[in-house]
Amino acid sequence: SSARPRRLLDTRDSDQRLAAADGP
């Protein structure tokens, strides 16, 4: 239904890194 690129998430914006210890 759509094939136009757009940004959904960038953890650098909040400086909240994805960490294995924190789970998904």
PDB file of all heavy atoms in Angstrom:
ATOM      1  N   SER A   1       0.809  -1.211   0.000  1.00  0.00           N
ATOM      2  CA  SER A   1       0.000   0.000   0.000  1.00  0.00           C
ATOM      3  C   SER A   1       0.844   1.264   0.000  1.00  0.00           C
ATOM      4  O   SER A   1       0.320   2.347  -0.168  1.00  0.00           O
ATOM      5  CB  SER A   1      -0.962   0.006   1.194  1.00  0.00           C
ATOM      6  OG  SER A   1      -0.277  -0.196   2.401  1.00  0.00           O
ATOM      7  N   SER A   2       2.129   1.133   0.194  1.00  0.00           N
ATOM      8  CA  SER A   2       2.966   2.332   0.190  1.00  0.00           C
ATOM      9  C   SER A   2       4.412   1.909   0.098  1.00  0.00           C
ATOM     10  O   SER A   2       4.823   0.951   0.710  1.00  0.00           O
ATOM     11  CB  SER A   2       2.748   3.136   1.471  1.00  0.00           C
ATOM     12  OG  SER A   2       3.874   3.919   1.760  1.00  0.00           O
ATOM     13  N   ALA A   3       5.177   2.623  -0.697  1.00  0.00           N
ATOM     14  CA  ALA A   3       6.611   2.329  -0.784  1.00  0.00           C
ATOM     15  C   ALA A   3       7.363   3.656  -0.863  1.00  0.00           C
ATOM     16  O   ALA A   3       8.106   3.916  -1.787  1.00  0.00           O
ATOM     17  CB  ALA A   3       6.917   1.433  -1.978  1.00  0.00           C
ATOM     18  N   ARG A   4       7.104   4.521   0.112  1.00  0.00           N
ATOM     19  CA  ARG A   4       7.823   5.795   0.192  1.00  0.00           C
ATOM     20  C   ARG A   4       8.624   5.820   1.478  1.00  0.00           C
ATOM     21  O   ARG A   4       8.078   5.603   2.549  1.00  0.00           O
ATOM     22  CB  ARG A   4       6.840   6.970   0.200  1.00  0.00           C
ATOM     23  CG  ARG A   4       6.317   7.265  -1.177  1.00  0.00           C
ATOM     24  CD  ARG A   4       6.067   8.738  -1.347  1.00  0.00           C
ATOM     25  NE  ARG A   4       5.770   8.977  -2.759  1.00  0.00           N
ATOM     26  CZ  ARG A   4       5.564  10.169  -3.262  1.00  0.00           C
ATOM     27  NH1 ARG A   4       5.622  11.228  -2.485  1.00  0.00           N
ATOM     28  NH2 ARG A   4       5.314  10.318  -4.544  1.00  0.00           N
ATOM     29  N   PRO A   5       9.910   6.094   1.396  1.00  0.00           N
ATOM     30  CA  PRO A   5      10.733   6.044   2.612  1.00  0.00           C
ATOM     31  C   PRO A   5      10.409   7.186   3.575  1.00  0.00           C
ATOM     32  O   PRO A   5      10.178   8.316   3.165  1.00  0.00           O
ATOM     33  CB  PRO A   5      12.163   6.173   2.080  1.00  0.00           C
ATOM     34  CG  PRO A   5      12.029   6.808   0.735  1.00  0.00           C
ATOM     35  CD  PRO A   5      10.695   6.429   0.200  1.00  0.00           C
ATOM     36  N   ARG A   6      10.339   6.868   4.863  1.00  0.00           N
ATOM     37  CA  ARG A   6      10.213   7.896   5.887  1.00  0.00           C
ATOM     38  C   ARG A   6      10.675   7.334   7.221  1.00  0.00           C
ATOM     39  O   ARG A   6      10.592   6.129   7.453  1.00  0.00           O
ATOM     40  CB  ARG A   6       8.799   8.441   5.991  1.00  0.00           C
ATOM     41  CG  ARG A   6       7.736   7.407   6.295  1.00  0.00           C
ATOM     42  CD  ARG A   6       6.594   7.483   5.302  1.00  0.00           C
ATOM     43  NE  ARG A   6       5.487   6.614   5.705  1.00  0.00           N
ATOM     44  CZ  ARG A   6       5.078   5.599   4.982  1.00  0.00           C
ATOM     45  NH1 ARG A   6       5.692   5.275   3.875  1.00  0.00           N
ATOM     46  NH2 ARG A   6       4.051   4.876   5.366  1.00  0.00           N
ATOM     47  N   ARG A   7      11.158   8.216   8.090  1.00  0.00           N
ATOM     48  CA  ARG A   7      11.755   7.784   9.355  1.00  0.00           C
ATOM     49  C   ARG A   7      10.690   7.507  10.394  1.00  0.00           C
ATOM     50  O   ARG A   7       9.752   8.273  10.561  1.00  0.00           O
ATOM     51  CB  ARG A   7      12.720   8.864   9.839  1.00  0.00           C
ATOM     52  CG  ARG A   7      13.433   8.500  11.120  1.00  0.00           C
ATOM     53  CD  ARG A   7      14.911   8.820  11.063  1.00  0.00           C
ATOM     54  NE  ARG A   7      15.621   7.981  10.100  1.00  0.00           N
ATOM     55  CZ  ARG A   7      16.888   8.193   9.719  1.00  0.00           C
ATOM     56  NH1 ARG A   7      17.574   9.216  10.204  1.00  0.00           N
ATOM     57  NH2 ARG A   7      17.453   7.385   8.837  1.00  0.00           N
ATOM     58  N   LEU A   8      10.847   6.390  11.100  1.00  0.00           N
ATOM     59  CA  LEU A   8       9.931   6.005  12.170  1.00  0.00           C
ATOM     60  C   LEU A   8      10.555   6.207  13.550  1.00  0.00           C
ATOM     61  O   LEU A   8       9.894   6.641  14.483  1.00  0.00           O
ATOM     62  CB  LEU A   8       9.516   4.536  11.989  1.00  0.00           C
ATOM     63  CG  LEU A   8       8.591   3.933  13.033  1.00  0.00           C
ATOM     64  CD1 LEU A   8       7.199   4.568  12.963  1.00  0.00           C
ATOM     65  CD2 LEU A   8       8.476   2.418  12.857  1.00  0.00           C
ATOM     66  N   LEU A   9      11.829   5.872  13.687  1.00  0.00           N
ATOM     67  CA  LEU A   9      12.475   5.877  15.006  1.00  0.00           C
ATOM     68  C   LEU A   9      13.961   6.165  14.846  1.00  0.00           C
ATOM     69  O   LEU A   9      14.599   5.651  13.921  1.00  0.00           O
ATOM     70  CB  LEU A   9      12.301   4.487  15.665  1.00  0.00           C
ATOM     71  CG  LEU A   9      13.118   4.215  16.937  1.00  0.00           C
ATOM     72  CD1 LEU A   9      12.505   4.935  18.119  1.00  0.00           C
ATOM     73  CD2 LEU A   9      13.203   2.717  17.211  1.00  0.00           C
ATOM     74  N   ASP A  10      14.512   6.971  15.754  1.00  0.00           N
ATOM     75  CA  ASP A  10      15.960   7.185  15.827  1.00  0.00           C
ATOM     76  C   ASP A  10      16.311   7.356  17.294  1.00  0.00           C
ATOM     77  O   ASP A  10      16.016   8.391  17.894  1.00  0.00           O
ATOM     78  CB  ASP A  10      16.366   8.415  15.011  1.00  0.00           C
ATOM     79  CG  ASP A  10      17.882   8.577  14.912  1.00  0.00           C
ATOM     80  OD1 ASP A  10      18.602   7.969  15.733  1.00  0.00           O
ATOM     81  OD2 ASP A  10      18.342   9.308  14.018  1.00  0.00           O
ATOM     82  N   THR A  11      16.909   6.318  17.889  1.00  0.00           N
ATOM     83  CA  THR A  11      17.186   6.363  19.334  1.00  0.00           C
ATOM     84  C   THR A  11      18.219   7.433  19.681  1.00  0.00           C
ATOM     85  O   THR A  11      18.329   7.820  20.838  1.00  0.00           O
ATOM     86  CB  THR A  11      17.677   5.002  19.870  1.00  0.00           C
ATOM     87  OG1 THR A  11      18.913   4.660  19.221  1.00  0.00           O
ATOM     88  CG2 THR A  11      16.643   3.909  19.627  1.00  0.00           C
ATOM     89  N   ARG A  12      18.937   7.939  18.675  1.00  0.00           N
ATOM     90  CA  ARG A  12      19.894   9.012  18.955  1.00  0.00           C
ATOM     91  C   ARG A  12      19.172  10.295  19.356  1.00  0.00           C
ATOM     92  O   ARG A  12      19.744  11.134  20.054  1.00  0.00           O
ATOM     93  CB  ARG A  12      20.788   9.263  17.730  1.00  0.00           C
ATOM     94  CG  ARG A  12      21.668   8.070  17.380  1.00  0.00           C
ATOM     95  CD  ARG A  12      22.379   8.258  16.054  1.00  0.00           C
ATOM     96  NE  ARG A  12      21.432   8.429  14.949  1.00  0.00           N
ATOM     97  CZ  ARG A  12      21.801   8.497  13.672  1.00  0.00           C
ATOM     98  NH1 ARG A  12      23.072   8.393  13.350  1.00  0.00           N
ATOM     99  NH2 ARG A  12      20.894   8.653  12.719  1.00  0.00           N
ATOM    100  N   ASP A  13      17.909  10.433  18.934  1.00  0.00           N
ATOM    101  CA  ASP A  13      17.151  11.642  19.273  1.00  0.00           C
ATOM    102  C   ASP A  13      16.927  11.759  20.780  1.00  0.00           C
ATOM    103  O   ASP A  13      16.891  12.861  21.324  1.00  0.00           O
ATOM    104  CB  ASP A  13      15.791  11.646  18.563  1.00  0.00           C
ATOM    105  CG  ASP A  13      15.930  11.782  17.054  1.00  0.00           C
ATOM    106  OD1 ASP A  13      17.010  12.203  16.593  1.00  0.00           O
ATOM    107  OD2 ASP A  13      14.960  11.462  16.335  1.00  0.00           O
ATOM    108  N   SER A  14      16.729  10.611  21.429  1.00  0.00           N
ATOM    109  CA  SER A  14      16.467  10.629  22.880  1.00  0.00           C
ATOM    110  C   SER A  14      17.659  10.115  23.670  1.00  0.00           C
ATOM    111  O   SER A  14      17.642  10.078  24.891  1.00  0.00           O
ATOM    112  CB  SER A  14      15.257   9.751  23.196  1.00  0.00           C
ATOM    113  OG  SER A  14      15.520   8.412  22.814  1.00  0.00           O
ATOM    114  N   ASP A  15      18.700   9.688  22.949  1.00  0.00           N
ATOM    115  CA  ASP A  15      19.894   9.088  23.556  1.00  0.00           C
ATOM    116  C   ASP A  15      19.558   7.876  24.420  1.00  0.00           C
ATOM    117  O   ASP A  15      20.220   7.598  25.408  1.00  0.00           O
ATOM    118  CB  ASP A  15      20.693  10.126  24.349  1.00  0.00           C
ATOM    119  CG  ASP A  15      22.188   9.772  24.357  1.00  0.00           C
ATOM    120  OD1 ASP A  15      22.642   9.187  23.359  1.00  0.00           O
ATOM    121  OD2 ASP A  15      22.883  10.041  25.357  1.00  0.00           O
ATOM    122  N   GLN A  16      18.496   7.156  24.040  1.00  0.00           N
ATOM    123  CA  GLN A  16      18.137   5.918  24.733  1.00  0.00           C
ATOM    124  C   GLN A  16      18.590   4.750  23.879  1.00  0.00           C
ATOM    125  O   GLN A  16      17.887   4.342  22.958  1.00  0.00           O
ATOM    126  CB  GLN A  16      16.623   5.853  24.947  1.00  0.00           C
ATOM    127  CG  GLN A  16      16.117   6.766  26.030  1.00  0.00           C
ATOM    128  CD  GLN A  16      16.582   6.322  27.415  1.00  0.00           C
ATOM    129  OE1 GLN A  16      17.443   6.950  28.022  1.00  0.00           O
ATOM    130  NE2 GLN A  16      16.040   5.222  27.896  1.00  0.00           N
ATOM    131  N   ARG A  17      19.772   4.204  24.176  1.00  0.00           N
ATOM    132  CA  ARG A  17      20.303   3.114  23.379  1.00  0.00           C
ATOM    133  C   ARG A  17      19.490   1.833  23.611  1.00  0.00           C
ATOM    134  O   ARG A  17      18.931   1.628  24.687  1.00  0.00           O
ATOM    135  CB  ARG A  17      21.771   2.871  23.726  1.00  0.00           C
ATOM    136  CG  ARG A  17      22.671   4.020  23.325  1.00  0.00           C
ATOM    137  CD  ARG A  17      24.070   3.877  23.943  1.00  0.00           C
ATOM    138  NE  ARG A  17      24.773   2.720  23.412  1.00  0.00           N
ATOM    139  CZ  ARG A  17      25.508   2.719  22.298  1.00  0.00           C
ATOM    140  NH1 ARG A  17      25.609   3.830  21.583  1.00  0.00           N
ATOM    141  NH2 ARG A  17      26.128   1.635  21.910  1.00  0.00           N
ATOM    142  N   LEU A  18      19.452   0.989  22.585  1.00  0.00           N
ATOM    143  CA  LEU A  18      18.847  -0.332  22.724  1.00  0.00           C
ATOM    144  C   LEU A  18      19.897  -1.239  23.364  1.00  0.00           C
ATOM    145  O   LEU A  18      20.970  -1.444  22.786  1.00  0.00           O
ATOM    146  CB  LEU A  18      18.446  -0.870  21.352  1.00  0.00           C
ATOM    147  CG  LEU A  18      17.937  -2.304  21.297  1.00  0.00           C
ATOM    148  CD1 LEU A  18      16.624  -2.468  22.053  1.00  0.00           C
ATOM    149  CD2 LEU A  18      17.760  -2.757  19.849  1.00  0.00           C
ATOM    150  N   ALA A  19      19.592  -1.764  24.544  1.00  0.00           N
ATOM    151  CA  ALA A  19      20.554  -2.594  25.272  1.00  0.00           C
ATOM    152  C   ALA A  19      19.996  -3.999  25.448  1.00  0.00           C
ATOM    153  O   ALA A  19      18.807  -4.174  25.737  1.00  0.00           O
ATOM    154  CB  ALA A  19      20.853  -1.975  26.639  1.00  0.00           C
ATOM    155  N   ALA A  20      20.876  -4.988  25.267  1.00  0.00           N
ATOM    156  CA  ALA A  20      20.447  -6.376  25.422  1.00  0.00           C
ATOM    157  C   ALA A  20      19.875  -6.611  26.815  1.00  0.00           C
ATOM    158  O   ALA A  20      18.879  -7.322  26.984  1.00  0.00           O
ATOM    159  CB  ALA A  20      21.626  -7.313  25.153  1.00  0.00           C
ATOM    160  N   ALA A  21      20.489  -5.975  27.821  1.00  0.00           N
ATOM    161  CA  ALA A  21      20.066  -6.194  29.204  1.00  0.00           C
ATOM    162  C   ALA A  21      18.650  -5.688  29.467  1.00  0.00           C
ATOM    163  O   ALA A  21      17.973  -6.160  30.383  1.00  0.00           O
ATOM    164  CB  ALA A  21      21.042  -5.494  30.154  1.00  0.00           C
ATOM    165  N   ASP A  22      18.192  -4.737  28.664  1.00  0.00           N
ATOM    166  CA  ASP A  22      16.867  -4.154  28.879  1.00  0.00           C
ATOM    167  C   ASP A  22      15.751  -4.927  28.174  1.00  0.00           C
ATOM    168  O   ASP A  22      14.575  -4.603  28.343  1.00  0.00           O
ATOM    169  CB  ASP A  22      16.831  -2.700  28.374  1.00  0.00           C
ATOM    170  CG  ASP A  22      17.767  -1.804  29.159  1.00  0.00           C
ATOM    171  OD1 ASP A  22      18.119  -2.178  30.299  1.00  0.00           O
ATOM    172  OD2 ASP A  22      18.147  -0.738  28.635  1.00  0.00           O
ATOM    173  N   GLY A  23      16.127  -5.910  27.341  1.00  0.00           N
ATOM    174  CA  GLY A  23      15.112  -6.645  26.604  1.00  0.00           C
ATOM    175  C   GLY A  23      14.663  -5.873  25.372  1.00  0.00           C
ATOM    176  O   GLY A  23      15.219  -4.831  25.028  1.00  0.00           O
ATOM    177  N   PRO A  24      13.632  -6.369  24.690  1.00  0.00           N
ATOM    178  CA  PRO A  24      13.237  -5.767  23.413  1.00  0.00           C
ATOM    179  C   PRO A  24      12.614  -4.385  23.572  1.00  0.00           C
ATOM    180  O   PRO A  24      11.988  -4.079  24.593  1.00  0.00           O
ATOM    181  CB  PRO A  24      12.219  -6.758  22.842  1.00  0.00           C
ATOM    182  CG  PRO A  24      11.761  -7.571  24.001  1.00  0.00           C
ATOM    183  CD  PRO A  24      12.869  -7.587  24.995  1.00  0.00           C
TER     184      PRO A  24
END
